């Protein structure tokens, strides 16, 4: 979420167009080396911890398929349509608003769900 936010802020502030931004692009892209591994580790750990007993690796596989399969397909398709219709700035604005909405919805859902008690037997069965 950090990299799209930084890209959005930089693209929004570009007065002369994309060419004035090109020298910054390698520095912003370096954030991918920090944000993607953090997202991956957090996602895999979250999938494992919240999976039913004995289904930890299945949940991790579904997480990977969602990120690399469904996420890539939907992002590429929607991104292409948005880029053609609203341009680069609009693309980052729409994706930024969608990301903020998703974070807000997930946060609200997590606050409304009751906390579960973790048992040590689940870890023993799933490993």
C-alpha atoms as a PDB file:
ATOM      1  CA  UNK A   1       0.000   0.000   0.000  1.00  0.00           C
ATOM      2  CA  UNK A   2       2.976   2.284   0.428  1.00  0.00           C
ATOM      3  CA  UNK A   3       4.156   2.134  -3.178  1.00  0.00           C
ATOM      4  CA  UNK A   4       0.785   2.948  -4.804  1.00  0.00           C
ATOM      5  CA  UNK A   5       0.380   5.797  -2.326  1.00  0.00           C
ATOM      6  CA  UNK A   6       3.778   7.260  -3.171  1.00  0.00           C
ATOM      7  CA  UNK A   7       3.128   6.845  -6.894  1.00  0.00           C
ATOM      8  CA  UNK A   8      -0.278   8.536  -6.509  1.00  0.00           C
ATOM      9  CA  UNK A   9       1.180  11.517  -4.671  1.00  0.00           C
ATOM     10  CA  UNK A  10       3.959  11.949  -7.219  1.00  0.00           C
ATOM     11  CA  UNK A  11       1.665  11.565 -10.231  1.00  0.00           C
ATOM     12  CA  UNK A  12      -0.833  13.996  -8.767  1.00  0.00           C
ATOM     13  CA  UNK A  13       1.851  16.633  -8.324  1.00  0.00           C
ATOM     14  CA  UNK A  14       3.386  16.354 -11.819  1.00  0.00           C
ATOM     15  CA  UNK A  15       2.770  19.661 -13.583  1.00  0.00           C
ATOM     16  CA  UNK A  16       4.676  18.951 -16.798  1.00  0.00           C
ATOM     17  CA  UNK A  17       3.536  15.401 -17.448  1.00  0.00           C
ATOM     18  CA  UNK A  18       5.083  11.960 -17.044  1.00  0.00           C
ATOM     19  CA  UNK A  19       8.498  12.894 -18.504  1.00  0.00           C
ATOM     20  CA  UNK A  20       9.378  14.982 -15.435  1.00  0.00           C
ATOM     21  CA  UNK A  21       8.660  11.960 -13.270  1.00  0.00           C
ATOM     22  CA  UNK A  22      10.884   9.462 -15.071  1.00  0.00           C
ATOM     23  CA  UNK A  23      14.006  10.231 -13.052  1.00  0.00           C
ATOM     24  CA  UNK A  24      12.084   9.400  -9.844  1.00  0.00           C
ATOM     25  CA  UNK A  25      10.715   6.122 -11.116  1.00  0.00           C
ATOM     26  CA  UNK A  26      13.701   3.904 -10.156  1.00  0.00           C
ATOM     27  CA  UNK A  27      13.601   5.216  -6.577  1.00  0.00           C
ATOM     28  CA  UNK A  28       9.882   4.595  -6.248  1.00  0.00           C
ATOM     29  CA  UNK A  29      10.278   1.133  -7.799  1.00  0.00           C
ATOM     30  CA  UNK A  30      12.851   0.270  -5.132  1.00  0.00           C
ATOM     31  CA  UNK A  31       9.965   0.392  -2.660  1.00  0.00           C
ATOM     32  CA  UNK A  32       8.700  -2.784  -4.317  1.00  0.00           C
ATOM     33  CA  UNK A  33      11.677  -4.588  -2.815  1.00  0.00           C
ATOM     34  CA  UNK A  34      10.407  -3.637   0.643  1.00  0.00           C
ATOM     35  CA  UNK A  35       6.634  -3.685   0.265  1.00  0.00           C
ATOM     36  CA  UNK A  36       6.082  -6.894  -1.692  1.00  0.00           C
ATOM     37  CA  UNK A  37       7.988  -9.213   0.684  1.00  0.00           C
ATOM     38  CA  UNK A  38       6.254  -7.585   3.653  1.00  0.00           C
ATOM     39  CA  UNK A  39       2.855  -8.103   2.030  1.00  0.00           C
ATOM     40  CA  UNK A  40       3.703 -11.684   1.135  1.00  0.00           C
ATOM     41  CA  UNK A  41       4.944 -12.661   4.601  1.00  0.00           C
ATOM     42  CA  UNK A  42       1.969 -10.984   6.288  1.00  0.00           C
ATOM     43  CA  UNK A  43      -0.513 -12.597   3.896  1.00  0.00           C
ATOM     44  CA  UNK A  44       0.901 -16.099   4.222  1.00  0.00           C
ATOM     45  CA  UNK A  45       1.068 -15.823   8.021  1.00  0.00           C
ATOM     46  CA  UNK A  46      -2.480 -14.435   8.187  1.00  0.00           C
ATOM     47  CA  UNK A  47      -3.813 -17.216   5.958  1.00  0.00           C
ATOM     48  CA  UNK A  48      -2.130 -19.892   8.073  1.00  0.00           C
ATOM     49  CA  UNK A  49      -3.204 -18.465  11.432  1.00  0.00           C
ATOM     50  CA  UNK A  50      -6.841 -18.004  10.416  1.00  0.00           C
ATOM     51  CA  UNK A  51      -7.308 -21.294   8.559  1.00  0.00           C
ATOM     52  CA  UNK A  52      -9.281 -24.155  10.085  1.00  0.00           C
ATOM     53  CA  UNK A  53      -7.299 -26.941  11.713  1.00  0.00           C
ATOM     54  CA  UNK A  54      -5.280 -28.892   9.162  1.00  0.00           C
ATOM     55  CA  UNK A  55      -5.985 -26.421   6.346  1.00  0.00           C
ATOM     56  CA  UNK A  56      -3.099 -23.971   6.858  1.00  0.00           C
ATOM     57  CA  UNK A  57      -1.196 -24.881   3.702  1.00  0.00           C
ATOM     58  CA  UNK A  58      -4.402 -24.913   1.657  1.00  0.00           C
ATOM     59  CA  UNK A  59      -5.172 -21.383   2.843  1.00  0.00           C
ATOM     60  CA  UNK A  60      -1.660 -20.310   1.900  1.00  0.00           C
ATOM     61  CA  UNK A  61      -2.131 -21.797  -1.567  1.00  0.00           C
ATOM     62  CA  UNK A  62      -5.429 -19.980  -2.024  1.00  0.00           C
ATOM     63  CA  UNK A  63      -3.742 -16.750  -0.925  1.00  0.00           C
ATOM     64  CA  UNK A  64      -0.997 -17.241  -3.526  1.00  0.00           C
ATOM     65  CA  UNK A  65      -3.505 -18.047  -6.273  1.00  0.00           C
ATOM     66  CA  UNK A  66      -5.515 -14.975  -5.390  1.00  0.00           C
ATOM     67  CA  UNK A  67      -2.510 -12.650  -5.442  1.00  0.00           C
ATOM     68  CA  UNK A  68      -0.853 -13.977  -8.594  1.00  0.00           C
ATOM     69  CA  UNK A  69      -3.912 -15.229 -10.470  1.00  0.00           C
ATOM     70  CA  UNK A  70      -7.078 -13.338  -9.707  1.00  0.00           C
ATOM     71  CA  UNK A  71      -5.399 -10.158  -8.467  1.00  0.00           C
ATOM     72  CA  UNK A  72      -3.132  -9.883 -11.488  1.00  0.00           C
ATOM     73  CA  UNK A  73      -5.938 -10.560 -13.960  1.00  0.00           C
ATOM     74  CA  UNK A  74      -8.434  -8.142 -12.422  1.00  0.00           C
ATOM     75  CA  UNK A  75      -5.795  -5.472 -11.823  1.00  0.00           C
ATOM     76  CA  UNK A  76      -4.496  -5.660 -15.379  1.00  0.00           C
ATOM     77  CA  UNK A  77      -7.961  -5.637 -16.936  1.00  0.00           C
ATOM     78  CA  UNK A  78      -9.389  -2.874 -14.750  1.00  0.00           C
ATOM     79  CA  UNK A  79      -6.156  -0.883 -14.944  1.00  0.00           C
ATOM     80  CA  UNK A  80      -6.159  -0.980 -18.730  1.00  0.00           C
ATOM     81  CA  UNK A  81      -9.767   0.160 -18.949  1.00  0.00           C
ATOM     82  CA  UNK A  82      -9.210   2.933 -16.423  1.00  0.00           C
ATOM     83  CA  UNK A  83      -6.006   4.105 -18.080  1.00  0.00           C
ATOM     84  CA  UNK A  84      -7.793   4.488 -21.404  1.00  0.00           C
ATOM     85  CA  UNK A  85     -10.821   6.225 -19.946  1.00  0.00           C
ATOM     86  CA  UNK A  86      -9.464   8.500 -17.178  1.00  0.00           C
ATOM     87  CA  UNK A  87      -5.691   8.615 -17.764  1.00  0.00           C
ATOM     88  CA  UNK A  88      -2.795   7.931 -15.415  1.00  0.00           C
ATOM     89  CA  UNK A  89      -3.774  10.330 -12.654  1.00  0.00           C
ATOM     90  CA  UNK A  90      -7.336   9.095 -12.626  1.00  0.00           C
ATOM     91  CA  UNK A  91      -6.118   5.494 -12.552  1.00  0.00           C
ATOM     92  CA  UNK A  92      -4.118   6.046  -9.375  1.00  0.00           C
ATOM     93  CA  UNK A  93      -6.918   8.105  -7.862  1.00  0.00           C
ATOM     94  CA  UNK A  94      -9.493   5.348  -8.469  1.00  0.00           C
ATOM     95  CA  UNK A  95      -7.196   2.565  -7.248  1.00  0.00           C
ATOM     96  CA  UNK A  96      -6.251   4.646  -4.188  1.00  0.00           C
ATOM     97  CA  UNK A  97      -9.889   5.243  -3.290  1.00  0.00           C
ATOM     98  CA  UNK A  98     -10.707   1.554  -3.834  1.00  0.00           C
ATOM     99  CA  UNK A  99      -7.788   0.505  -1.594  1.00  0.00           C
ATOM    100  CA  UNK A 100      -8.871   2.894   1.150  1.00  0.00           C
ATOM    101  CA  UNK A 101     -12.440   1.598   0.919  1.00  0.00           C
ATOM    102  CA  UNK A 102     -11.244  -2.022   1.149  1.00  0.00           C
ATOM    103  CA  UNK A 103      -9.090  -1.250   4.189  1.00  0.00           C
ATOM    104  CA  UNK A 104     -12.020   0.523   5.863  1.00  0.00           C
ATOM    105  CA  UNK A 105     -14.408  -2.373   5.132  1.00  0.00           C
ATOM    106  CA  UNK A 106     -11.963  -5.018   6.394  1.00  0.00           C
ATOM    107  CA  UNK A 107     -11.282  -2.979   9.530  1.00  0.00           C
ATOM    108  CA  UNK A 108     -15.002  -2.615  10.245  1.00  0.00           C
ATOM    109  CA  UNK A 109     -15.614  -6.324   9.675  1.00  0.00           C
ATOM    110  CA  UNK A 110     -12.727  -7.305  11.954  1.00  0.00           C
ATOM    111  CA  UNK A 111     -14.007  -5.044  14.730  1.00  0.00           C
ATOM    112  CA  UNK A 112     -17.496  -6.527  14.542  1.00  0.00           C
ATOM    113  CA  UNK A 113     -16.403 -10.175  14.534  1.00  0.00           C
ATOM    114  CA  UNK A 114     -15.955 -11.790  17.947  1.00  0.00           C
ATOM    115  CA  UNK A 115     -12.439 -12.697  18.954  1.00  0.00           C
ATOM    116  CA  UNK A 116     -11.716 -16.426  18.803  1.00  0.00           C
ATOM    117  CA  UNK A 117      -9.737 -18.346  21.366  1.00  0.00           C
ATOM    118  CA  UNK A 118      -6.660 -19.965  19.836  1.00  0.00           C
ATOM    119  CA  UNK A 119      -6.058 -23.550  20.880  1.00  0.00           C
ATOM    120  CA  UNK A 120      -2.770 -25.355  20.918  1.00  0.00           C
ATOM    121  CA  UNK A 121      -4.356 -28.485  19.383  1.00  0.00           C
ATOM    122  CA  UNK A 122      -4.900 -26.699  16.049  1.00  0.00           C
ATOM    123  CA  UNK A 123      -1.191 -26.071  15.664  1.00  0.00           C
ATOM    124  CA  UNK A 124      -0.327 -29.654  16.571  1.00  0.00           C
ATOM    125  CA  UNK A 125      -2.807 -31.082  14.024  1.00  0.00           C
ATOM    126  CA  UNK A 126      -1.878 -28.770  11.149  1.00  0.00           C
ATOM    127  CA  UNK A 127       1.860 -29.276  11.302  1.00  0.00           C
END
